[in-house]
Amino acid sequence: MTETNSVDTESALSVRDFQRLIHRMYFDKDMQRGVEGTFMWLMEEMGELSAALRQRDLANMREEFADVLAWLATIANVCGVDLTDAIRSKYGEGCPGCQRFDCICPDSEKP
């Protein structure tokens, strides 16, 4: 992912803008930590999100959702994956299972 110094944090952030923001702030540290260490941090944040969801603590949920997204973007940066392209490729034409925008896959299947 190419670094940019022009990230507008005052307006809505696209996935690409967010990934670039995380890249700009943390990429050198992230590369030193590597995928395995970064993945462990993501899993810790998932646990914290789980606790916030169980407690129905909206302020904490917001913080933990943001942390999970940040660590996911971090891993993508370390691996050289553009999240916007990945999302568009997998979901841009509808559900990967039924190819519809209003998914009709059975609940027993993971789309």
N, C-alpha and C. Protein backbone atom coordinates (compact mmCIF):
# COMPACT_ATOMS: atom_id res chain seq x y z
N MET A 1 0.85 -1.18 0.00
CA MET A 1 0.00 0.00 0.00
C MET A 1 0.89 1.23 0.00
N THR A 2 0.60 2.17 -0.85
CA THR A 2 1.40 3.37 -0.95
C THR A 2 0.98 4.35 0.12
N GLU A 3 1.99 4.90 0.82
CA GLU A 3 1.70 5.85 1.89
C GLU A 3 1.31 7.19 1.29
N THR A 4 0.42 7.86 1.96
CA THR A 4 0.03 9.20 1.56
C THR A 4 0.02 10.08 2.80
N ASN A 5 0.30 11.34 2.62
CA ASN A 5 0.27 12.27 3.75
C ASN A 5 -1.03 13.06 3.79
N SER A 6 -1.95 12.77 2.87
CA SER A 6 -3.18 13.56 2.80
C SER A 6 -4.39 12.70 3.16
N VAL A 7 -4.62 12.54 4.44
CA VAL A 7 -5.79 11.81 4.90
C VAL A 7 -6.70 12.82 5.58
N ASP A 8 -7.91 12.96 5.05
CA ASP A 8 -8.89 13.89 5.59
C ASP A 8 -9.66 13.20 6.70
N THR A 9 -9.33 13.54 7.95
CA THR A 9 -10.00 12.89 9.09
C THR A 9 -11.21 13.69 9.57
N GLU A 10 -11.52 14.79 8.92
CA GLU A 10 -12.67 15.60 9.32
C GLU A 10 -13.96 15.10 8.70
N SER A 11 -13.87 14.47 7.53
CA SER A 11 -15.06 13.94 6.87
C SER A 11 -15.08 12.42 7.03
N ALA A 12 -16.07 11.80 6.44
CA ALA A 12 -16.18 10.35 6.52
C ALA A 12 -14.93 9.71 5.94
N LEU A 13 -14.45 8.66 6.60
CA LEU A 13 -13.28 7.93 6.11
C LEU A 13 -13.74 6.73 5.29
N SER A 14 -13.19 6.60 4.10
CA SER A 14 -13.42 5.38 3.34
C SER A 14 -12.54 4.28 3.95
N VAL A 15 -12.78 3.06 3.57
CA VAL A 15 -11.93 1.96 4.02
C VAL A 15 -10.49 2.23 3.59
N ARG A 16 -10.32 2.67 2.35
CA ARG A 16 -8.97 2.95 1.84
C ARG A 16 -8.30 4.06 2.64
N ASP A 17 -9.04 5.14 2.93
CA ASP A 17 -8.47 6.23 3.72
C ASP A 17 -8.08 5.76 5.11
N PHE A 18 -8.93 4.92 5.72
CA PHE A 18 -8.63 4.41 7.05
C PHE A 18 -7.38 3.54 7.02
N GLN A 19 -7.28 2.67 6.02
CA GLN A 19 -6.11 1.81 5.93
C GLN A 19 -4.85 2.65 5.73
N ARG A 20 -4.93 3.69 4.95
CA ARG A 20 -3.78 4.59 4.75
C ARG A 20 -3.42 5.33 6.04
N LEU A 21 -4.43 5.74 6.79
CA LEU A 21 -4.19 6.42 8.06
C LEU A 21 -3.43 5.50 9.02
N ILE A 22 -3.89 4.26 9.14
CA ILE A 22 -3.22 3.28 10.00
C ILE A 22 -1.80 3.01 9.49
N HIS A 23 -1.65 2.93 8.20
CA HIS A 23 -0.32 2.74 7.60
C HIS A 23 0.61 3.88 8.00
N ARG A 24 0.13 5.09 7.84
CA ARG A 24 0.96 6.25 8.15
C ARG A 24 1.37 6.29 9.61
N MET A 25 0.46 5.94 10.49
CA MET A 25 0.75 6.02 11.93
C MET A 25 1.63 4.88 12.43
N TYR A 26 1.43 3.67 11.90
CA TYR A 26 2.00 2.50 12.58
C TYR A 26 2.84 1.56 11.72
N PHE A 27 2.98 1.79 10.43
CA PHE A 27 3.54 0.76 9.56
C PHE A 27 4.92 0.26 9.99
N ASP A 28 5.83 1.14 10.37
CA ASP A 28 7.17 0.69 10.74
C ASP A 28 7.11 -0.25 11.95
N LYS A 29 6.35 0.12 12.96
CA LYS A 29 6.18 -0.75 14.14
C LYS A 29 5.52 -2.06 13.74
N ASP A 30 4.51 -1.98 12.88
CA ASP A 30 3.77 -3.17 12.47
C ASP A 30 4.67 -4.15 11.73
N MET A 31 5.52 -3.65 10.87
CA MET A 31 6.42 -4.54 10.12
C MET A 31 7.40 -5.23 11.07
N GLN A 32 7.86 -4.52 12.08
CA GLN A 32 8.77 -5.13 13.05
C GLN A 32 8.06 -6.22 13.86
N ARG A 33 6.80 -6.00 14.19
CA ARG A 33 6.02 -6.97 14.98
C ARG A 33 5.67 -8.19 14.12
N GLY A 34 5.39 -7.97 12.86
CA GLY A 34 5.05 -9.05 11.95
C GLY A 34 3.60 -9.49 12.05
N VAL A 35 3.24 -10.40 11.17
CA VAL A 35 1.86 -10.87 11.09
C VAL A 35 1.45 -11.60 12.37
N GLU A 36 2.30 -12.48 12.86
CA GLU A 36 1.92 -13.30 14.02
C GLU A 36 1.65 -12.43 15.24
N GLY A 37 2.57 -11.51 15.55
CA GLY A 37 2.38 -10.63 16.71
C GLY A 37 1.18 -9.72 16.54
N THR A 38 0.98 -9.24 15.34
CA THR A 38 -0.15 -8.37 15.07
C THR A 38 -1.46 -9.13 15.18
N PHE A 39 -1.48 -10.36 14.72
CA PHE A 39 -2.68 -11.18 14.83
C PHE A 39 -3.06 -11.40 16.29
N MET A 40 -2.08 -11.58 17.14
CA MET A 40 -2.36 -11.75 18.57
C MET A 40 -3.03 -10.50 19.14
N TRP A 41 -2.58 -9.32 18.74
CA TRP A 41 -3.23 -8.08 19.19
C TRP A 41 -4.66 -8.01 18.69
N LEU A 42 -4.89 -8.41 17.45
CA LEU A 42 -6.26 -8.42 16.91
C LEU A 42 -7.15 -9.33 17.75
N MET A 43 -6.65 -10.49 18.10
CA MET A 43 -7.45 -11.42 18.90
C MET A 43 -7.74 -10.85 20.29
N GLU A 44 -6.77 -10.14 20.87
CA GLU A 44 -7.02 -9.49 22.16
C GLU A 44 -8.13 -8.46 22.04
N GLU A 45 -8.09 -7.69 20.97
CA GLU A 45 -9.14 -6.68 20.76
C GLU A 45 -10.50 -7.34 20.51
N MET A 46 -10.51 -8.48 19.84
CA MET A 46 -11.77 -9.20 19.63
C MET A 46 -12.35 -9.63 20.98
N GLY A 47 -11.50 -10.06 21.89
CA GLY A 47 -11.96 -10.42 23.24
C GLY A 47 -12.53 -9.22 23.97
N GLU A 48 -11.89 -8.07 23.83
CA GLU A 48 -12.39 -6.86 24.47
C GLU A 48 -13.72 -6.43 23.85
N LEU A 49 -13.87 -6.61 22.54
CA LEU A 49 -15.14 -6.31 21.88
C LEU A 49 -16.23 -7.25 22.40
N SER A 50 -15.88 -8.51 22.55
CA SER A 50 -16.83 -9.49 23.08
C SER A 50 -17.34 -9.07 24.46
N ALA A 51 -16.44 -8.63 25.31
CA ALA A 51 -16.84 -8.19 26.66
C ALA A 51 -17.74 -6.97 26.58
N ALA A 52 -17.41 -6.02 25.72
CA ALA A 52 -18.23 -4.81 25.57
C ALA A 52 -19.62 -5.17 25.06
N LEU A 53 -19.71 -6.12 24.14
CA LEU A 53 -21.01 -6.55 23.62
C LEU A 53 -21.84 -7.22 24.71
N ARG A 54 -21.20 -8.06 25.50
CA ARG A 54 -21.92 -8.73 26.59
C ARG A 54 -22.44 -7.73 27.61
N GLN A 55 -21.65 -6.69 27.87
CA GLN A 55 -22.04 -5.68 28.86
C GLN A 55 -22.99 -4.64 28.28
N ARG A 56 -23.18 -4.68 26.97
CA ARG A 56 -24.03 -3.70 26.27
C ARG A 56 -23.59 -2.26 26.56
N ASP A 57 -22.28 -2.09 26.62
CA ASP A 57 -21.67 -0.79 26.90
C ASP A 57 -21.36 -0.10 25.58
N LEU A 58 -22.27 0.79 25.15
CA LEU A 58 -22.16 1.40 23.82
C LEU A 58 -20.85 2.17 23.63
N ALA A 59 -20.44 2.95 24.61
CA ALA A 59 -19.20 3.71 24.46
C ALA A 59 -18.01 2.78 24.29
N ASN A 60 -17.98 1.71 25.07
CA ASN A 60 -16.88 0.75 24.96
C ASN A 60 -16.98 -0.04 23.66
N MET A 61 -18.19 -0.37 23.22
CA MET A 61 -18.36 -1.07 21.94
C MET A 61 -17.78 -0.24 20.80
N ARG A 62 -18.09 1.05 20.80
CA ARG A 62 -17.58 1.92 19.74
C ARG A 62 -16.06 1.90 19.70
N GLU A 63 -15.45 1.99 20.87
CA GLU A 63 -13.99 1.98 20.96
C GLU A 63 -13.42 0.65 20.48
N GLU A 64 -14.02 -0.44 20.91
CA GLU A 64 -13.50 -1.76 20.56
C GLU A 64 -13.73 -2.09 19.09
N PHE A 65 -14.86 -1.68 18.51
CA PHE A 65 -15.06 -1.87 17.07
C PHE A 65 -13.96 -1.14 16.30
N ALA A 66 -13.66 0.09 16.71
CA ALA A 66 -12.60 0.85 16.05
C ALA A 66 -11.25 0.16 16.19
N ASP A 67 -10.96 -0.37 17.38
CA ASP A 67 -9.70 -1.06 17.59
C ASP A 67 -9.60 -2.31 16.71
N VAL A 68 -10.68 -3.07 16.62
CA VAL A 68 -10.67 -4.28 15.79
C VAL A 68 -10.40 -3.90 14.33
N LEU A 69 -11.07 -2.86 13.85
CA LEU A 69 -10.83 -2.43 12.47
C LEU A 69 -9.39 -1.97 12.26
N ALA A 70 -8.85 -1.26 13.26
CA ALA A 70 -7.47 -0.78 13.14
C ALA A 70 -6.48 -1.94 13.06
N TRP A 71 -6.66 -2.94 13.91
CA TRP A 71 -5.75 -4.09 13.88
C TRP A 71 -5.94 -4.92 12.61
N LEU A 72 -7.15 -5.00 12.09
CA LEU A 72 -7.38 -5.69 10.83
C LEU A 72 -6.67 -4.95 9.69
N ALA A 73 -6.78 -3.63 9.68
CA ALA A 73 -6.09 -2.82 8.68
C ALA A 73 -4.57 -2.98 8.82
N THR A 74 -4.10 -3.08 10.04
CA THR A 74 -2.67 -3.28 10.29
C THR A 74 -2.18 -4.57 9.66
N ILE A 75 -2.90 -5.66 9.90
CA ILE A 75 -2.50 -6.95 9.31
C ILE A 75 -2.53 -6.86 7.79
N ALA A 76 -3.55 -6.24 7.25
CA ALA A 76 -3.64 -6.09 5.79
C ALA A 76 -2.44 -5.31 5.27
N ASN A 77 -2.05 -4.25 5.96
CA ASN A 77 -0.88 -3.47 5.54
C ASN A 77 0.38 -4.32 5.56
N VAL A 78 0.59 -5.07 6.63
CA VAL A 78 1.78 -5.91 6.74
C VAL A 78 1.81 -6.94 5.61
N CYS A 79 0.65 -7.47 5.24
CA CYS A 79 0.56 -8.49 4.20
C CYS A 79 0.48 -7.91 2.79
N GLY A 80 0.35 -6.59 2.68
CA GLY A 80 0.26 -5.96 1.37
C GLY A 80 -1.09 -6.15 0.70
N VAL A 81 -2.15 -6.25 1.51
CA VAL A 81 -3.51 -6.44 0.99
C VAL A 81 -4.26 -5.12 1.06
N ASP A 82 -4.82 -4.68 -0.05
CA ASP A 82 -5.66 -3.49 -0.10
C ASP A 82 -7.08 -3.94 0.28
N LEU A 83 -7.55 -3.51 1.45
CA LEU A 83 -8.86 -3.94 1.93
C LEU A 83 -9.99 -3.52 1.01
N THR A 84 -9.90 -2.34 0.43
CA THR A 84 -10.95 -1.87 -0.47
C THR A 84 -11.07 -2.82 -1.66
N ASP A 85 -9.94 -3.17 -2.24
CA ASP A 85 -9.98 -4.11 -3.38
C ASP A 85 -10.50 -5.47 -2.95
N ALA A 86 -10.08 -5.94 -1.77
CA ALA A 86 -10.53 -7.25 -1.28
C ALA A 86 -12.04 -7.26 -1.06
N ILE A 87 -12.56 -6.20 -0.44
CA ILE A 87 -14.00 -6.10 -0.18
C ILE A 87 -14.78 -6.04 -1.49
N ARG A 88 -14.30 -5.19 -2.39
CA ARG A 88 -14.99 -5.04 -3.69
C ARG A 88 -14.99 -6.36 -4.44
N SER A 89 -13.87 -7.06 -4.42
CA SER A 89 -13.76 -8.33 -5.14
C SER A 89 -14.69 -9.39 -4.57
N LYS A 90 -14.80 -9.46 -3.25
CA LYS A 90 -15.62 -10.51 -2.62
C LYS A 90 -17.10 -10.15 -2.55
N TYR A 91 -17.43 -8.88 -2.25
CA TYR A 91 -18.82 -8.51 -1.98
C TYR A 91 -19.40 -7.48 -2.97
N GLY A 92 -18.61 -6.99 -3.89
CA GLY A 92 -19.04 -5.93 -4.79
C GLY A 92 -20.14 -6.31 -5.75
N GLU A 93 -20.32 -7.59 -5.99
CA GLU A 93 -21.35 -8.06 -6.92
C GLU A 93 -22.48 -8.78 -6.18
N GLY A 94 -22.53 -8.61 -4.86
CA GLY A 94 -23.56 -9.25 -4.06
C GLY A 94 -22.99 -10.32 -3.15
N CYS A 95 -23.87 -11.05 -2.54
CA CYS A 95 -23.49 -12.14 -1.63
C CYS A 95 -22.64 -13.16 -2.37
N PRO A 96 -21.50 -13.56 -1.78
CA PRO A 96 -20.68 -14.57 -2.44
C PRO A 96 -21.39 -15.92 -2.60
N GLY A 97 -22.39 -16.19 -1.78
CA GLY A 97 -23.11 -17.46 -1.86
C GLY A 97 -24.19 -17.47 -2.92
N CYS A 98 -25.09 -16.49 -2.87
CA CYS A 98 -26.25 -16.48 -3.78
C CYS A 98 -26.14 -15.41 -4.87
N GLN A 99 -25.11 -14.59 -4.82
CA GLN A 99 -24.87 -13.52 -5.80
C GLN A 99 -25.98 -12.49 -5.84
N ARG A 100 -26.67 -12.29 -4.74
CA ARG A 100 -27.73 -11.28 -4.66
C ARG A 100 -27.36 -10.24 -3.63
N PHE A 101 -27.90 -9.03 -3.79
CA PHE A 101 -27.67 -7.98 -2.80
C PHE A 101 -28.62 -8.12 -1.61
N ASP A 102 -29.69 -8.86 -1.77
CA ASP A 102 -30.56 -9.21 -0.66
C ASP A 102 -30.42 -10.72 -0.45
N CYS A 103 -29.44 -11.09 0.35
CA CYS A 103 -29.03 -12.48 0.51
C CYS A 103 -30.21 -13.39 0.83
N ILE A 104 -30.26 -14.51 0.09
CA ILE A 104 -31.29 -15.53 0.34
C ILE A 104 -30.67 -16.86 0.73
N CYS A 105 -29.39 -16.85 1.10
CA CYS A 105 -28.73 -18.07 1.54
C CYS A 105 -29.41 -18.58 2.82
N PRO A 106 -29.51 -19.89 2.97
CA PRO A 106 -30.08 -20.43 4.21
C PRO A 106 -29.24 -20.00 5.42
N ASP A 107 -29.90 -19.78 6.54
CA ASP A 107 -29.19 -19.37 7.76
C ASP A 107 -28.15 -20.39 8.20
N SER A 108 -28.34 -21.65 7.79
CA SER A 108 -27.40 -22.69 8.18
C SER A 108 -26.08 -22.61 7.41
N GLU A 109 -26.04 -21.79 6.37
CA GLU A 109 -24.82 -21.64 5.55
C GLU A 109 -24.17 -20.30 5.83
N LYS A 110 -22.85 -20.29 5.78
CA LYS A 110 -22.12 -19.03 5.89
C LYS A 110 -21.93 -18.48 4.48
N PRO A 111 -22.52 -17.32 4.17
CA PRO A 111 -22.36 -16.81 2.81
C PRO A 111 -20.92 -16.40 2.51
